Amino acid sequence: MTQNAMAYHANNAYRSAAVAVPPLKAVVMLCDGAITLLQKALDAQEAKRFEEGHAYLTRATAILRGLSHHLDVTRGGAMADRLFRTYNALIIACLRSYGRPQARENFRRIIASLTELRDAWKYVEATAGKVKTPDKTLESAAGR
């Protein structure tokens, strides 16, 4: 699949999730999907099913790319910029790690980082409606 096709699919995945569920829930769901796909990519690589593993890796990075490209920098400011750099750093780490001898350890760290980020989004989602004077920075950064 070409880069343009991957970008198209990433955008569609984000838009579909954003229409069906609230934006913060969509971000959590997309992070969960990326985590699952990265684990499948690693499992496939270790089983020497390299094409299958690469397909999972490509789908996971497409999700991360979609998340990074749908940040609202004008409303999210520095937080959105930081998230953009984080998502892109995770993409680069995934691509550099796949197929390497230390892939298991590298992917464990990448998945742990993405899990921590997902948990932070879950916390924001859970507390978004409970604060009397909410700071909309994180919601804005999520593209809301």
C-alpha atoms as a PDB file:
ATOM      1  CA  MET A   1       0.000   0.000   0.000  1.00  0.00           C
ATOM      2  CA  THR A   2       1.361   3.429  -0.903  1.00  0.00           C
ATOM      3  CA  GLN A   3       1.936   6.245   1.571  1.00  0.00           C
ATOM      4  CA  ASN A   4      -1.030   8.204   0.175  1.00  0.00           C
ATOM      5  CA  ALA A   5      -3.297   5.181   0.569  1.00  0.00           C
ATOM      6  CA  MET A   6      -2.059   4.676   4.129  1.00  0.00           C
ATOM      7  CA  ALA A   7      -2.680   8.333   4.959  1.00  0.00           C
ATOM      8  CA  TYR A   8      -6.154   8.040   3.440  1.00  0.00           C
ATOM      9  CA  HIS A   9      -6.937   4.971   5.581  1.00  0.00           C
ATOM     10  CA  ALA A  10      -5.543   6.636   8.701  1.00  0.00           C
ATOM     11  CA  ASN A  11      -7.707   9.697   8.113  1.00  0.00           C
ATOM     12  CA  ASN A  12     -10.778   7.549   7.488  1.00  0.00           C
ATOM     13  CA  ALA A  13     -10.193   5.517  10.651  1.00  0.00           C
ATOM     14  CA  TYR A  14      -9.960   8.667  12.742  1.00  0.00           C
ATOM     15  CA  ARG A  15     -12.987  10.290  11.083  1.00  0.00           C
ATOM     16  CA  SER A  16     -15.108   7.161  11.449  1.00  0.00           C
ATOM     17  CA  ALA A  17     -14.256   6.866  15.125  1.00  0.00           C
ATOM     18  CA  ALA A  18     -14.789  10.594  15.698  1.00  0.00           C
ATOM     19  CA  VAL A  19     -18.273  10.480  14.174  1.00  0.00           C
ATOM     20  CA  ALA A  20     -19.395   7.352  16.015  1.00  0.00           C
ATOM     21  CA  VAL A  21     -18.094   8.206  19.492  1.00  0.00           C
ATOM     22  CA  PRO A  22     -16.965  11.313  21.399  1.00  0.00           C
ATOM     23  CA  PRO A  23     -13.468  12.523  20.389  1.00  0.00           C
ATOM     24  CA  LEU A  24     -11.720  11.541  23.628  1.00  0.00           C
ATOM     25  CA  LYS A  25     -13.216   8.039  23.505  1.00  0.00           C
ATOM     26  CA  ALA A  26     -12.128   7.774  19.852  1.00  0.00           C
ATOM     27  CA  VAL A  27      -8.540   8.626  20.801  1.00  0.00           C
ATOM     28  CA  VAL A  28      -8.564   5.953  23.521  1.00  0.00           C
ATOM     29  CA  MET A  29      -9.997   3.388  21.103  1.00  0.00           C
ATOM     30  CA  LEU A  30      -7.442   4.241  18.419  1.00  0.00           C
ATOM     31  CA  CYS A  31      -4.587   3.938  20.930  1.00  0.00           C
ATOM     32  CA  ASP A  32      -5.954   0.533  21.973  1.00  0.00           C
ATOM     33  CA  GLY A  33      -6.022  -0.503  18.323  1.00  0.00           C
ATOM     34  CA  ALA A  34      -2.442   0.611  17.753  1.00  0.00           C
ATOM     35  CA  ILE A  35      -1.275  -1.291  20.855  1.00  0.00           C
ATOM     36  CA  THR A  36      -3.009  -4.474  19.674  1.00  0.00           C
ATOM     37  CA  LEU A  37      -1.581  -4.163  16.162  1.00  0.00           C
ATOM     38  CA  LEU A  38       1.959  -3.591  17.458  1.00  0.00           C
ATOM     39  CA  GLN A  39       1.717  -6.719  19.605  1.00  0.00           C
ATOM     40  CA  LYS A  40       0.458  -8.692  16.595  1.00  0.00           C
ATOM     41  CA  ALA A  41       3.303  -7.308  14.464  1.00  0.00           C
ATOM     42  CA  LEU A  42       5.856  -8.460  17.014  1.00  0.00           C
ATOM     43  CA  ASP A  43       4.250 -11.885  17.368  1.00  0.00           C
ATOM     44  CA  ALA A  44       4.191 -12.331  13.584  1.00  0.00           C
ATOM     45  CA  GLN A  45       7.829 -11.251  13.279  1.00  0.00           C
ATOM     46  CA  GLU A  46       8.910 -13.756  15.915  1.00  0.00           C
ATOM     47  CA  ALA A  47       6.967 -16.484  14.088  1.00  0.00           C
ATOM     48  CA  LYS A  48       8.852 -15.508  10.908  1.00  0.00           C
ATOM     49  CA  ARG A  49       5.655 -14.323   9.198  1.00  0.00           C
ATOM     50  CA  PHE A  50       7.325 -11.118   8.091  1.00  0.00           C
ATOM     51  CA  GLU A  51       4.778  -9.920   5.535  1.00  0.00           C
ATOM     52  CA  GLU A  52       1.945 -10.334   8.013  1.00  0.00           C
ATOM     53  CA  GLY A  53       3.976  -8.556  10.697  1.00  0.00           C
ATOM     54  CA  HIS A  54       4.785  -5.710   8.356  1.00  0.00           C
ATOM     55  CA  ALA A  55       1.088  -5.329   7.510  1.00  0.00           C
ATOM     56  CA  TYR A  56       0.226  -5.046  11.221  1.00  0.00           C
ATOM     57  CA  LEU A  57       3.058  -2.577  11.755  1.00  0.00           C
ATOM     58  CA  THR A  58       1.871  -0.475   8.822  1.00  0.00           C
ATOM     59  CA  ARG A  59      -1.672  -0.363  10.185  1.00  0.00           C
ATOM     60  CA  ALA A  60      -0.465   0.595  13.674  1.00  0.00           C
ATOM     61  CA  THR A  61       1.707   3.416  12.369  1.00  0.00           C
ATOM     62  CA  ALA A  62      -1.184   4.595  10.172  1.00  0.00           C
ATOM     63  CA  ILE A  63      -3.305   4.966  13.305  1.00  0.00           C
ATOM     64  CA  LEU A  64      -0.559   6.936  15.030  1.00  0.00           C
ATOM     65  CA  ARG A  65      -0.129   9.081  11.919  1.00  0.00           C
ATOM     66  CA  GLY A  66      -3.869   9.741  11.849  1.00  0.00           C
ATOM     67  CA  LEU A  67      -3.812  10.774  15.492  1.00  0.00           C
ATOM     68  CA  SER A  68      -0.869  13.111  14.934  1.00  0.00           C
ATOM     69  CA  HIS A  69      -2.424  14.761  11.895  1.00  0.00           C
ATOM     70  CA  HIS A  70      -5.760  15.464  13.578  1.00  0.00           C
ATOM     71  CA  LEU A  71      -4.415  17.482  16.475  1.00  0.00           C
ATOM     72  CA  ASP A  72      -5.784  21.011  16.681  1.00  0.00           C
ATOM     73  CA  VAL A  73      -2.606  23.030  17.194  1.00  0.00           C
ATOM     74  CA  THR A  74      -4.439  26.366  17.184  1.00  0.00           C
ATOM     75  CA  ARG A  75      -6.618  25.326  20.144  1.00  0.00           C
ATOM     76  CA  GLY A  76      -4.233  22.853  21.789  1.00  0.00           C
ATOM     77  CA  GLY A  77      -1.116  25.008  21.610  1.00  0.00           C
ATOM     78  CA  ALA A  78       2.021  23.584  23.164  1.00  0.00           C
ATOM     79  CA  MET A  79       0.187  20.435  24.311  1.00  0.00           C
ATOM     80  CA  ALA A  80      -0.880  19.606  20.754  1.00  0.00           C
ATOM     81  CA  ASP A  81       2.666  20.234  19.520  1.00  0.00           C
ATOM     82  CA  ARG A  82       4.056  17.924  22.189  1.00  0.00           C
ATOM     83  CA  LEU A  83       1.538  15.210  21.294  1.00  0.00           C
ATOM     84  CA  PHE A  84       2.420  15.572  17.605  1.00  0.00           C
ATOM     85  CA  ARG A  85       6.097  15.015  18.413  1.00  0.00           C
ATOM     86  CA  THR A  86       5.242  12.083  20.691  1.00  0.00           C
ATOM     87  CA  TYR A  87       3.121  10.306  18.084  1.00  0.00           C
ATOM     88  CA  ASN A  88       5.794  10.815  15.445  1.00  0.00           C
ATOM     89  CA  ALA A  89       8.555   9.606  17.766  1.00  0.00           C
ATOM     90  CA  LEU A  90       6.523   6.438  18.382  1.00  0.00           C
ATOM     91  CA  ILE A  91       6.115   5.932  14.624  1.00  0.00           C
ATOM     92  CA  ILE A  92       9.849   6.296  14.023  1.00  0.00           C
ATOM     93  CA  ALA A  93      10.671   3.977  16.928  1.00  0.00           C
ATOM     94  CA  CYS A  94       8.310   1.323  15.529  1.00  0.00           C
ATOM     95  CA  LEU A  95       9.800   1.508  12.061  1.00  0.00           C
ATOM     96  CA  ARG A  96      13.377   1.413  13.346  1.00  0.00           C
ATOM     97  CA  SER A  97      12.708  -1.501  15.688  1.00  0.00           C
ATOM     98  CA  TYR A  98      10.865  -3.905  13.436  1.00  0.00           C
ATOM     99  CA  GLY A  99      13.047  -6.747  12.189  1.00  0.00           C
ATOM    100  CA  ARG A 100      15.932  -5.924  14.526  1.00  0.00           C
ATOM    101  CA  PRO A 101      17.456  -8.350  17.027  1.00  0.00           C
ATOM    102  CA  GLN A 102      16.227  -6.274  19.990  1.00  0.00           C
ATOM    103  CA  ALA A 103      12.716  -5.849  18.551  1.00  0.00           C
ATOM    104  CA  ARG A 104      10.962  -7.541  21.497  1.00  0.00           C
ATOM    105  CA  GLU A 105      12.509  -5.185  24.054  1.00  0.00           C
ATOM    106  CA  ASN A 106      12.042  -2.116  21.846  1.00  0.00           C
ATOM    107  CA  PHE A 107       8.414  -2.975  21.116  1.00  0.00           C
ATOM    108  CA  ARG A 108       7.806  -3.620  24.819  1.00  0.00           C
ATOM    109  CA  ARG A 109       8.954  -0.049  25.535  1.00  0.00           C
ATOM    110  CA  ILE A 110       6.948   1.401  22.652  1.00  0.00           C
ATOM    111  CA  ILE A 111       3.804  -0.439  23.751  1.00  0.00           C
ATOM    112  CA  ALA A 112       4.378   0.654  27.364  1.00  0.00           C
ATOM    113  CA  SER A 113       4.701   4.282  26.236  1.00  0.00           C
ATOM    114  CA  LEU A 114       1.582   4.060  24.124  1.00  0.00           C
ATOM    115  CA  THR A 115      -0.285   2.365  26.986  1.00  0.00           C
ATOM    116  CA  GLU A 116       0.720   5.190  29.329  1.00  0.00           C
ATOM    117  CA  LEU A 117      -0.482   7.742  26.783  1.00  0.00           C
ATOM    118  CA  ARG A 118      -3.757   5.824  26.329  1.00  0.00           C
ATOM    119  CA  ASP A 119      -4.262   5.737  30.102  1.00  0.00           C
ATOM    120  CA  ALA A 120      -3.708   9.501  30.264  1.00  0.00           C
ATOM    121  CA  TRP A 121      -6.383   9.994  27.587  1.00  0.00           C
ATOM    122  CA  LYS A 122      -8.713   7.685  29.566  1.00  0.00           C
ATOM    123  CA  TYR A 123      -8.179   9.850  32.636  1.00  0.00           C
ATOM    124  CA  VAL A 124      -8.901  13.013  30.654  1.00  0.00           C
ATOM    125  CA  GLU A 125     -12.033  11.389  29.228  1.00  0.00           C
ATOM    126  CA  ALA A 126     -13.229  10.306  32.678  1.00  0.00           C
ATOM    127  CA  THR A 127     -12.646  13.704  34.279  1.00  0.00           C
ATOM    128  CA  ALA A 128     -13.638  15.966  31.367  1.00  0.00           C
ATOM    129  CA  GLY A 129     -17.225  16.438  32.501  1.00  0.00           C
ATOM    130  CA  LYS A 130     -16.553  16.514  36.239  1.00  0.00           C
ATOM    131  CA  VAL A 131     -14.533  19.735  36.454  1.00  0.00           C
ATOM    132  CA  LYS A 132     -16.557  22.939  37.026  1.00  0.00           C
ATOM    133  CA  THR A 133     -14.187  25.149  35.002  1.00  0.00           C
ATOM    134  CA  PRO A 134     -12.644  22.676  32.595  1.00  0.00           C
ATOM    135  CA  ASP A 135      -9.382  23.370  30.874  1.00  0.00           C
ATOM    136  CA  LYS A 136     -10.166  22.504  27.273  1.00  0.00           C
ATOM    137  CA  THR A 137      -6.498  22.272  26.258  1.00  0.00           C
ATOM    138  CA  LEU A 138      -6.338  18.471  26.143  1.00  0.00           C
ATOM    139  CA  GLU A 139      -9.746  18.127  24.516  1.00  0.00           C
ATOM    140  CA  SER A 140      -8.690  20.712  21.983  1.00  0.00           C
ATOM    141  CA  ALA A 141      -5.427  18.930  21.395  1.00  0.00           C
ATOM    142  CA  ALA A 142      -7.383  15.767  20.697  1.00  0.00           C
ATOM    143  CA  GLY A 143      -9.030  17.530  17.805  1.00  0.00           C
ATOM    144  CA  ARG A 144     -12.374  18.331  19.390  1.00  0.00           C
END
